[in-house]
Amino acid sequence: MSTRRILAITIFSILFIAALAGTMLLTSYLRRDHAPIPLPDASASMEIPGVAEPDTLDRVEVTTDNIQAVISTLSRPEVYSREILIDTYWEGGQAGYAISVSTAGGMTSLRTVSSTGTEKRIIVAADTLYIWYRGDRAPFIGRTDPSDGETRNADEYQMIVTYEDVLELDKDYILDAGYTEYGGEECIYAQYRQPKLGYTMKYYVSIDLGLITGAEEYDADGALVYRMRAGECLFDADASAFLLPDGTDLAALQ
C-alpha cells in the first residue's frame, strides 16, 4: 500500500472519530436537565429614570422636581362610586355640599345636595351635559364645550380640583411635595401657588386609587376658602345613577 493511501486513510479515521465524539457530546448535552433561564416579563413596561409605575410609587422619593412626572403615571378606576364633601368659605359665611359620584362607561353622574337643601343632578356623558333639579320632569341638555369655548370636565362639575393641572405649572410655582397619610389613605401630597390669584392649593392623591381624596385652598392672606374630603371609594356604580327624569337610562344607550 502506498504511503499516500495510508496517509489518506489515517486522516479520514481521525476526522471520523472526531465527528463521532462531537455527536456523542452534543447528544449527552441535549439530554441533560437544565434549570430554566428567567426571562423578562414581556408585559412589563420600561422603567423611566426617576419615575415609578403607580404600584411602586412608594419606592420613589417624591419631590418638587419630579412631582409632575409622578402624577403623569397615575390613572383612575374606570368604574367607581364615592361621596364627596365640599365646604367653601368667605368673609362672614360658608356653604357646604354633599356630592354622590358614580362613574361608569365614560360617564359621570353627580347628585349634589347643598347645605340649604337644594338637590341638583348632573350627568356628564362624553360631550353631552344633562342638568336638572329635584322635581324637574326633563333635564336641560347642553354640551361640555359650550359656545364660550371653555371645555368643562366632570371634575369641575364636582367642584373638585383637577390635579392634572399641576402638569401645566411652571416648577417655580410648586412649593412642596411628598408622601403623607390623609383620610386613612397613603397619598401623594402636593402644594402649589396659583399664578393668577396667588392662592395656595394643597391636595392629596391616593396612590392606590389615583383619585384626589382631599384638598384645601387658601387665599393670598392665608385664610381657608375651600376644603374637599372624599369618603370610601367603591368599585361599582349605582345602577340608577344614569337615569334621566323621564326614565331614559343613559347607561343602556352606551
C-alpha atoms as a PDB file:
ATOM      1  CA  MET A   1       0.000   0.000   0.000  1.00  0.00           C
ATOM      2  CA  SER A   2       1.404   3.391  -0.958  1.00  0.00           C
ATOM      3  CA  THR A   3       2.367   6.000   1.601  1.00  0.00           C
ATOM      4  CA  ARG A   4      -0.171   8.462   0.125  1.00  0.00           C
ATOM      5  CA  ARG A   5      -3.020   5.943   0.533  1.00  0.00           C
ATOM      6  CA  ILE A   6      -2.029   5.172   4.134  1.00  0.00           C
ATOM      7  CA  LEU A   7      -1.956   8.919   4.921  1.00  0.00           C
ATOM      8  CA  ALA A   8      -5.422   9.434   3.418  1.00  0.00           C
ATOM      9  CA  ILE A   9      -6.898   6.556   5.439  1.00  0.00           C
ATOM     10  CA  THR A  10      -5.320   7.937   8.629  1.00  0.00           C
ATOM     11  CA  ILE A  11      -6.724  11.441   8.095  1.00  0.00           C
ATOM     12  CA  PHE A  12     -10.185  10.020   7.326  1.00  0.00           C
ATOM     13  CA  SER A  13     -10.113   7.929  10.517  1.00  0.00           C
ATOM     14  CA  ILE A  14      -9.124  10.922  12.638  1.00  0.00           C
ATOM     15  CA  LEU A  15     -11.940  13.039  11.170  1.00  0.00           C
ATOM     16  CA  PHE A  16     -14.471  10.224  11.623  1.00  0.00           C
ATOM     17  CA  ILE A  17     -13.525   9.717  15.285  1.00  0.00           C
ATOM     18  CA  ALA A  18     -13.662  13.450  15.937  1.00  0.00           C
ATOM     19  CA  ALA A  19     -17.136  13.711  14.354  1.00  0.00           C
ATOM     20  CA  LEU A  20     -18.391  10.708  16.340  1.00  0.00           C
ATOM     21  CA  ALA A  21     -17.062  12.152  19.590  1.00  0.00           C
ATOM     22  CA  GLY A  22     -18.697  15.516  18.845  1.00  0.00           C
ATOM     23  CA  THR A  23     -22.034  13.849  18.128  1.00  0.00           C
ATOM     24  CA  MET A  24     -21.888  11.911  21.399  1.00  0.00           C
ATOM     25  CA  LEU A  25     -21.051  15.049  23.386  1.00  0.00           C
ATOM     26  CA  LEU A  26     -23.881  17.001  21.751  1.00  0.00           C
ATOM     27  CA  THR A  27     -26.386  14.213  22.432  1.00  0.00           C
ATOM     28  CA  SER A  28     -25.262  13.999  26.028  1.00  0.00           C
ATOM     29  CA  TYR A  29     -25.608  17.766  26.446  1.00  0.00           C
ATOM     30  CA  LEU A  30     -29.109  17.864  24.989  1.00  0.00           C
ATOM     31  CA  ARG A  31     -30.250  15.110  27.330  1.00  0.00           C
ATOM     32  CA  ARG A  32     -29.082  16.916  30.449  1.00  0.00           C
ATOM     33  CA  ASP A  33     -31.645  18.729  32.617  1.00  0.00           C
ATOM     34  CA  HIS A  34     -31.119  22.480  32.675  1.00  0.00           C
ATOM     35  CA  ALA A  35     -32.579  24.980  35.093  1.00  0.00           C
ATOM     36  CA  PRO A  36     -34.886  27.411  33.270  1.00  0.00           C
ATOM     37  CA  ILE A  37     -33.413  30.785  32.443  1.00  0.00           C
ATOM     38  CA  PRO A  38     -35.593  33.605  33.775  1.00  0.00           C
ATOM     39  CA  LEU A  39     -36.740  35.912  31.004  1.00  0.00           C
ATOM     40  CA  PRO A  40     -38.043  39.447  31.454  1.00  0.00           C
ATOM     41  CA  ASP A  41     -41.816  39.779  31.532  1.00  0.00           C
ATOM     42  CA  ALA A  42     -42.867  40.946  28.092  1.00  0.00           C
ATOM     43  CA  SER A  43     -45.808  42.794  29.607  1.00  0.00           C
ATOM     44  CA  ALA A  44     -43.627  44.826  31.958  1.00  0.00           C
ATOM     45  CA  SER A  45     -43.232  48.437  30.922  1.00  0.00           C
ATOM     46  CA  MET A  46     -39.842  50.049  30.577  1.00  0.00           C
ATOM     47  CA  GLU A  47     -38.705  51.999  33.610  1.00  0.00           C
ATOM     48  CA  ILE A  48     -38.181  55.721  33.293  1.00  0.00           C
ATOM     49  CA  PRO A  49     -35.361  57.025  35.484  1.00  0.00           C
ATOM     50  CA  GLY A  50     -36.789  58.878  38.452  1.00  0.00           C
ATOM     51  CA  VAL A  51     -40.383  57.810  37.699  1.00  0.00           C
ATOM     52  CA  ALA A  52     -42.137  54.710  39.013  1.00  0.00           C
ATOM     53  CA  GLU A  53     -45.193  52.819  37.948  1.00  0.00           C
ATOM     54  CA  PRO A  54     -48.293  53.550  40.081  1.00  0.00           C
ATOM     55  CA  ASP A  55     -47.922  50.357  42.126  1.00  0.00           C
ATOM     56  CA  THR A  56     -44.314  51.159  43.026  1.00  0.00           C
ATOM     57  CA  LEU A  57     -44.641  54.864  43.776  1.00  0.00           C
ATOM     58  CA  ASP A  58     -43.796  54.230  47.414  1.00  0.00           C
ATOM     59  CA  ARG A  59     -40.270  53.300  46.298  1.00  0.00           C
ATOM     60  CA  VAL A  60     -39.584  56.650  44.701  1.00  0.00           C
ATOM     61  CA  GLU A  61     -38.903  59.822  46.618  1.00  0.00           C
ATOM     62  CA  VAL A  62     -41.413  62.451  45.542  1.00  0.00           C
ATOM     63  CA  THR A  63     -40.033  65.977  45.332  1.00  0.00           C
ATOM     64  CA  THR A  64     -40.978  69.283  43.779  1.00  0.00           C
ATOM     65  CA  ASP A  65     -38.671  68.362  40.905  1.00  0.00           C
ATOM     66  CA  ASN A  66     -40.386  65.083  39.947  1.00  0.00           C
ATOM     67  CA  ILE A  67     -43.962  65.508  41.226  1.00  0.00           C
ATOM     68  CA  GLN A  68     -45.194  66.301  37.710  1.00  0.00           C
ATOM     69  CA  ALA A  69     -43.590  63.149  36.304  1.00  0.00           C
ATOM     70  CA  VAL A  70     -45.065  61.066  39.146  1.00  0.00           C
ATOM     71  CA  ILE A  71     -48.566  62.471  38.659  1.00  0.00           C
ATOM     72  CA  SER A  72     -48.391  61.692  34.947  1.00  0.00           C
ATOM     73  CA  THR A  73     -48.163  57.963  35.799  1.00  0.00           C
ATOM     74  CA  LEU A  74     -51.410  57.920  37.798  1.00  0.00           C
ATOM     75  CA  SER A  75     -54.653  56.534  36.414  1.00  0.00           C
ATOM     76  CA  ARG A  76     -58.165  56.496  37.858  1.00  0.00           C
ATOM     77  CA  PRO A  77     -60.516  53.497  38.017  1.00  0.00           C
ATOM     78  CA  GLU A  78     -62.980  53.386  35.147  1.00  0.00           C
ATOM     79  CA  VAL A  79     -65.890  52.349  37.378  1.00  0.00           C
ATOM     80  CA  TYR A  80     -66.341  53.643  40.912  1.00  0.00           C
ATOM     81  CA  SER A  81     -68.644  55.492  43.275  1.00  0.00           C
ATOM     82  CA  ARG A  82     -67.975  57.602  46.342  1.00  0.00           C
ATOM     83  CA  GLU A  83     -69.228  60.505  48.456  1.00  0.00           C
ATOM     84  CA  ILE A  84     -67.552  63.919  48.472  1.00  0.00           C
ATOM     85  CA  LEU A  85     -67.965  66.765  50.939  1.00  0.00           C
ATOM     86  CA  ILE A  86     -67.202  70.296  49.753  1.00  0.00           C
ATOM     87  CA  ASP A  87     -67.013  73.354  52.013  1.00  0.00           C
ATOM     88  CA  THR A  88     -66.489  76.885  50.736  1.00  0.00           C
ATOM     89  CA  TYR A  89     -65.721  79.861  52.960  1.00  0.00           C
ATOM     90  CA  TRP A  90     -65.842  83.621  52.564  1.00  0.00           C
ATOM     91  CA  GLU A  91     -65.812  86.534  54.923  1.00  0.00           C
ATOM     92  CA  GLY A  92     -68.886  86.215  57.088  1.00  0.00           C
ATOM     93  CA  GLY A  93     -70.239  82.962  55.660  1.00  0.00           C
ATOM     94  CA  GLN A  94     -69.802  79.482  54.294  1.00  0.00           C
ATOM     95  CA  ALA A  95     -71.631  76.854  52.240  1.00  0.00           C
ATOM     96  CA  GLY A  96     -71.463  73.070  52.164  1.00  0.00           C
ATOM     97  CA  TYR A  97     -72.244  70.440  49.532  1.00  0.00           C
ATOM     98  CA  ALA A  98     -72.615  66.660  49.726  1.00  0.00           C
ATOM     99  CA  ILE A  99     -71.977  65.046  46.343  1.00  0.00           C
ATOM    100  CA  SER A 100     -72.662  61.438  45.375  1.00  0.00           C
ATOM    101  CA  VAL A 101     -70.441  60.450  42.448  1.00  0.00           C
ATOM    102  CA  SER A 102     -70.804  57.441  40.132  1.00  0.00           C
ATOM    103  CA  THR A 103     -68.553  56.854  37.139  1.00  0.00           C
ATOM    104  CA  ALA A 104     -69.028  54.126  34.519  1.00  0.00           C
ATOM    105  CA  GLY A 105     -68.970  53.734  30.752  1.00  0.00           C
ATOM    106  CA  GLY A 106     -67.126  57.011  30.315  1.00  0.00           C
ATOM    107  CA  MET A 107     -69.971  58.900  32.068  1.00  0.00           C
ATOM    108  CA  THR A 108     -70.025  60.636  35.436  1.00  0.00           C
ATOM    109  CA  SER A 109     -73.205  61.103  37.451  1.00  0.00           C
ATOM    110  CA  LEU A 110     -73.435  63.651  40.261  1.00  0.00           C
ATOM    111  CA  ARG A 111     -76.117  64.172  42.871  1.00  0.00           C
ATOM    112  CA  THR A 112     -75.387  67.372  44.783  1.00  0.00           C
ATOM    113  CA  VAL A 113     -77.257  68.442  47.900  1.00  0.00           C
ATOM    114  CA  SER A 114     -76.361  71.866  49.258  1.00  0.00           C
ATOM    115  CA  SER A 115     -76.456  72.932  52.897  1.00  0.00           C
ATOM    116  CA  THR A 116     -79.691  74.774  52.081  1.00  0.00           C
ATOM    117  CA  GLY A 117     -81.340  71.540  50.901  1.00  0.00           C
ATOM    118  CA  THR A 118     -81.244  72.192  47.157  1.00  0.00           C
ATOM    119  CA  GLU A 119     -80.749  68.989  45.179  1.00  0.00           C
ATOM    120  CA  LYS A 120     -79.138  69.161  41.758  1.00  0.00           C
ATOM    121  CA  ARG A 121     -78.375  66.337  39.338  1.00  0.00           C
ATOM    122  CA  ILE A 122     -75.703  66.408  36.649  1.00  0.00           C
ATOM    123  CA  ILE A 123     -74.651  63.713  34.203  1.00  0.00           C
ATOM    124  CA  VAL A 124     -71.566  64.295  32.082  1.00  0.00           C
ATOM    125  CA  ALA A 125     -71.653  61.900  29.127  1.00  0.00           C
ATOM    126  CA  ALA A 126     -68.897  62.369  26.541  1.00  0.00           C
ATOM    127  CA  ASP A 127     -69.585  65.854  25.123  1.00  0.00           C
ATOM    128  CA  THR A 128     -73.213  65.996  26.336  1.00  0.00           C
ATOM    129  CA  LEU A 129     -74.355  67.525  29.608  1.00  0.00           C
ATOM    130  CA  TYR A 130     -77.613  66.821  31.462  1.00  0.00           C
ATOM    131  CA  ILE A 131     -78.710  69.043  34.373  1.00  0.00           C
ATOM    132  CA  TRP A 132     -81.914  69.046  36.410  1.00  0.00           C
ATOM    133  CA  TYR A 133     -83.210  69.775  39.888  1.00  0.00           C
ATOM    134  CA  ARG A 134     -85.366  67.661  42.150  1.00  0.00           C
ATOM    135  CA  GLY A 135     -88.910  67.706  40.834  1.00  0.00           C
ATOM    136  CA  ASP A 136     -87.996  68.526  37.216  1.00  0.00           C
ATOM    137  CA  ARG A 137     -89.626  66.349  34.573  1.00  0.00           C
ATOM    138  CA  ALA A 138     -86.966  66.894  31.936  1.00  0.00           C
ATOM    139  CA  PRO A 139     -83.294  67.862  32.077  1.00  0.00           C
ATOM    140  CA  PHE A 140     -81.517  70.749  30.478  1.00  0.00           C
ATOM    141  CA  ILE A 141     -79.350  69.266  27.732  1.00  0.00           C
ATOM    142  CA  GLY A 142     -76.202  71.075  26.715  1.00  0.00           C
ATOM    143  CA  ARG A 143     -72.604  70.474  25.811  1.00  0.00           C
ATOM    144  CA  THR A 144     -69.465  70.200  27.887  1.00  0.00           C
ATOM    145  CA  ASP A 145     -67.764  72.509  25.365  1.00  0.00           C
ATOM    146  CA  PRO A 146     -70.211  75.449  25.225  1.00  0.00           C
ATOM    147  CA  SER A 147     -70.118  78.400  22.863  1.00  0.00           C
ATOM    148  CA  ASP A 148     -67.622  80.250  25.042  1.00  0.00           C
ATOM    149  CA  GLY A 149     -65.083  77.596  24.056  1.00  0.00           C
ATOM    150  CA  GLU A 150     -64.177  76.733  27.644  1.00  0.00           C
ATOM    151  CA  THR A 151     -64.495  72.968  27.924  1.00  0.00           C
ATOM    152  CA  ARG A 152     -65.580  71.771  31.375  1.00  0.00           C
ATOM    153  CA  ASN A 153     -64.824  68.281  32.613  1.00  0.00           C
ATOM    154  CA  ALA A 154     -66.545  66.133  35.229  1.00  0.00           C
ATOM    155  CA  ASP A 155     -64.093  67.231  37.938  1.00  0.00           C
ATOM    156  CA  GLU A 156     -65.201  70.844  37.604  1.00  0.00           C
ATOM    157  CA  TYR A 157     -68.875  69.901  37.928  1.00  0.00           C
ATOM    158  CA  GLN A 158     -67.939  68.008  41.098  1.00  0.00           C
ATOM    159  CA  MET A 159     -66.326  71.215  42.379  1.00  0.00           C
ATOM    160  CA  ILE A 160     -63.063  69.378  42.921  1.00  0.00           C
ATOM    161  CA  VAL A 161     -59.626  70.469  41.817  1.00  0.00           C
ATOM    162  CA  THR A 162     -58.139  68.765  38.798  1.00  0.00           C
ATOM    163  CA  TYR A 163     -54.734  67.562  39.919  1.00  0.00           C
ATOM    164  CA  GLU A 164     -53.574  67.196  36.324  1.00  0.00           C
ATOM    165  CA  ASP A 165     -53.464  70.997  36.262  1.00  0.00           C
ATOM    166  CA  VAL A 166     -50.167  70.793  38.106  1.00  0.00           C
ATOM    167  CA  LEU A 167     -48.655  69.252  34.975  1.00  0.00           C
ATOM    168  CA  GLU A 168     -49.051  72.602  33.246  1.00  0.00           C
ATOM    169  CA  LEU A 169     -47.465  74.632  36.036  1.00  0.00           C
ATOM    170  CA  ASP A 170     -44.038  76.158  35.926  1.00  0.00           C
ATOM    171  CA  LYS A 171     -41.976  74.332  38.544  1.00  0.00           C
ATOM    172  CA  ASP A 172     -41.343  77.622  40.302  1.00  0.00           C
ATOM    173  CA  TYR A 173     -44.970  77.582  41.499  1.00  0.00           C
ATOM    174  CA  ILE A 174     -44.682  74.137  43.131  1.00  0.00           C
ATOM    175  CA  LEU A 175     -43.922  74.735  46.788  1.00  0.00           C
ATOM    176  CA  ASP A 176     -43.821  71.274  48.348  1.00  0.00           C
ATOM    177  CA  ALA A 177     -44.403  67.594  47.523  1.00  0.00           C
ATOM    178  CA  GLY A 178     -44.016  64.210  49.153  1.00  0.00           C
ATOM    179  CA  TYR A 179     -45.908  61.366  50.822  1.00  0.00           C
ATOM    180  CA  THR A 180     -48.393  61.579  53.646  1.00  0.00           C
ATOM    181  CA  GLU A 181     -51.462  59.836  55.045  1.00  0.00           C
ATOM    182  CA  TYR A 182     -54.811  61.506  54.549  1.00  0.00           C
ATOM    183  CA  GLY A 183     -58.214  60.080  55.436  1.00  0.00           C
ATOM    184  CA  GLY A 184     -56.681  56.666  56.057  1.00  0.00           C
ATOM    185  CA  GLU A 185     -55.130  56.560  52.568  1.00  0.00           C
ATOM    186  CA  GLU A 186     -51.443  56.612  51.642  1.00  0.00           C
ATOM    187  CA  CYS A 187     -51.255  59.681  49.451  1.00  0.00           C
ATOM    188  CA  ILE A 188     -49.031  61.838  47.329  1.00  0.00           C
ATOM    189  CA  TYR A 189     -49.076  65.353  48.710  1.00  0.00           C
ATOM    190  CA  ALA A 190     -48.530  68.473  46.653  1.00  0.00           C
ATOM    191  CA  GLN A 191     -48.717  72.173  47.372  1.00  0.00           C
ATOM    192  CA  TYR A 192     -48.531  74.908  44.792  1.00  0.00           C
ATOM    193  CA  ARG A 193     -49.283  78.575  44.305  1.00  0.00           C
ATOM    194  CA  GLN A 194     -51.790  79.593  41.669  1.00  0.00           C
ATOM    195  CA  PRO A 195     -50.127  82.005  39.259  1.00  0.00           C
ATOM    196  CA  LYS A 196     -53.106  84.343  38.724  1.00  0.00           C
ATOM    197  CA  LEU A 197     -54.645  84.889  42.166  1.00  0.00           C
ATOM    198  CA  GLY A 198     -51.730  83.921  44.350  1.00  0.00           C
ATOM    199  CA  TYR A 199     -53.879  81.384  46.192  1.00  0.00           C
ATOM    200  CA  THR A 200     -52.205  78.321  47.684  1.00  0.00           C
ATOM    201  CA  MET A 201     -53.597  74.857  46.859  1.00  0.00           C
ATOM    202  CA  LYS A 202     -52.878  71.689  48.791  1.00  0.00           C
ATOM    203  CA  TYR A 203     -54.103  68.342  47.555  1.00  0.00           C
ATOM    204  CA  TYR A 204     -53.770  64.687  48.457  1.00  0.00           C
ATOM    205  CA  VAL A 205     -53.925  61.943  45.818  1.00  0.00           C
ATOM    206  CA  SER A 206     -54.440  58.302  46.779  1.00  0.00           C
ATOM    207  CA  ILE A 207     -51.595  56.126  45.496  1.00  0.00           C
ATOM    208  CA  ASP A 208     -53.895  53.092  45.199  1.00  0.00           C
ATOM    209  CA  LEU A 209     -56.822  54.882  43.527  1.00  0.00           C
ATOM    210  CA  GLY A 210     -55.260  57.700  41.545  1.00  0.00           C
ATOM    211  CA  LEU A 211     -58.106  59.864  42.885  1.00  0.00           C
ATOM    212  CA  ILE A 212     -57.968  63.032  44.941  1.00  0.00           C
ATOM    213  CA  THR A 213     -59.039  62.212  48.483  1.00  0.00           C
ATOM    214  CA  GLY A 214     -58.705  65.715  49.899  1.00  0.00           C
ATOM    215  CA  ALA A 215     -57.817  69.284  49.026  1.00  0.00           C
ATOM    216  CA  GLU A 216     -57.552  72.708  50.657  1.00  0.00           C
ATOM    217  CA  GLU A 217     -57.257  76.176  49.175  1.00  0.00           C
ATOM    218  CA  TYR A 218     -56.082  79.331  50.951  1.00  0.00           C
ATOM    219  CA  ASP A 219     -56.334  82.899  49.745  1.00  0.00           C
ATOM    220  CA  ALA A 220     -53.408  85.298  49.489  1.00  0.00           C
ATOM    221  CA  ASP A 221     -53.859  86.209  53.167  1.00  0.00           C
ATOM    222  CA  GLY A 222     -53.734  82.568  54.282  1.00  0.00           C
ATOM    223  CA  ALA A 223     -57.473  82.224  55.008  1.00  0.00           C
ATOM    224  CA  LEU A 224     -59.113  78.896  54.157  1.00  0.00           C
ATOM    225  CA  VAL A 225     -61.583  79.349  51.278  1.00  0.00           C
ATOM    226  CA  TYR A 226     -62.159  75.750  50.128  1.00  0.00           C
ATOM    227  CA  ARG A 227     -61.970  72.233  51.515  1.00  0.00           C
ATOM    228  CA  MET A 228     -62.746  68.895  49.845  1.00  0.00           C
ATOM    229  CA  ARG A 229     -62.898  65.464  51.511  1.00  0.00           C
ATOM    230  CA  ALA A 230     -63.773  62.133  49.888  1.00  0.00           C
ATOM    231  CA  GLY A 231     -65.302  59.075  51.525  1.00  0.00           C
ATOM    232  CA  GLU A 232     -64.704  55.407  50.797  1.00  0.00           C
ATOM    233  CA  CYS A 233     -64.336  54.502  47.139  1.00  0.00           C
ATOM    234  CA  LEU A 234     -66.383  51.527  45.894  1.00  0.00           C
ATOM    235  CA  PHE A 235     -65.559  49.832  42.599  1.00  0.00           C
ATOM    236  CA  ASP A 236     -69.088  49.805  41.254  1.00  0.00           C
ATOM    237  CA  ALA A 237     -71.665  52.364  40.174  1.00  0.00           C
ATOM    238  CA  ASP A 238     -75.221  52.990  41.291  1.00  0.00           C
ATOM    239  CA  ALA A 239     -77.494  51.330  38.699  1.00  0.00           C
ATOM    240  CA  SER A 240     -79.946  54.239  38.899  1.00  0.00           C
ATOM    241  CA  ALA A 241     -77.291  56.946  38.674  1.00  0.00           C
ATOM    242  CA  PHE A 242     -77.655  57.384  34.911  1.00  0.00           C
ATOM    243  CA  LEU A 243     -81.456  57.607  34.750  1.00  0.00           C
ATOM    244  CA  LEU A 244     -82.921  60.850  33.416  1.00  0.00           C
ATOM    245  CA  PRO A 245     -86.139  62.287  34.943  1.00  0.00           C
ATOM    246  CA  ASP A 246     -88.221  60.761  32.127  1.00  0.00           C
ATOM    247  CA  GLY A 247     -86.800  57.278  32.857  1.00  0.00           C
ATOM    248  CA  THR A 248     -84.278  57.180  29.999  1.00  0.00           C
ATOM    249  CA  ASP A 249     -81.332  55.020  31.016  1.00  0.00           C
ATOM    250  CA  LEU A 250     -78.194  56.557  29.548  1.00  0.00           C
ATOM    251  CA  ALA A 251     -76.137  53.542  30.584  1.00  0.00           C
ATOM    252  CA  ALA A 252     -78.302  51.291  28.395  1.00  0.00           C
ATOM    253  CA  LEU A 253     -77.695  53.563  25.410  1.00  0.00           C
ATOM    254  CA  GLN A 254     -73.929  53.165  25.578  1.00  0.00           C
END
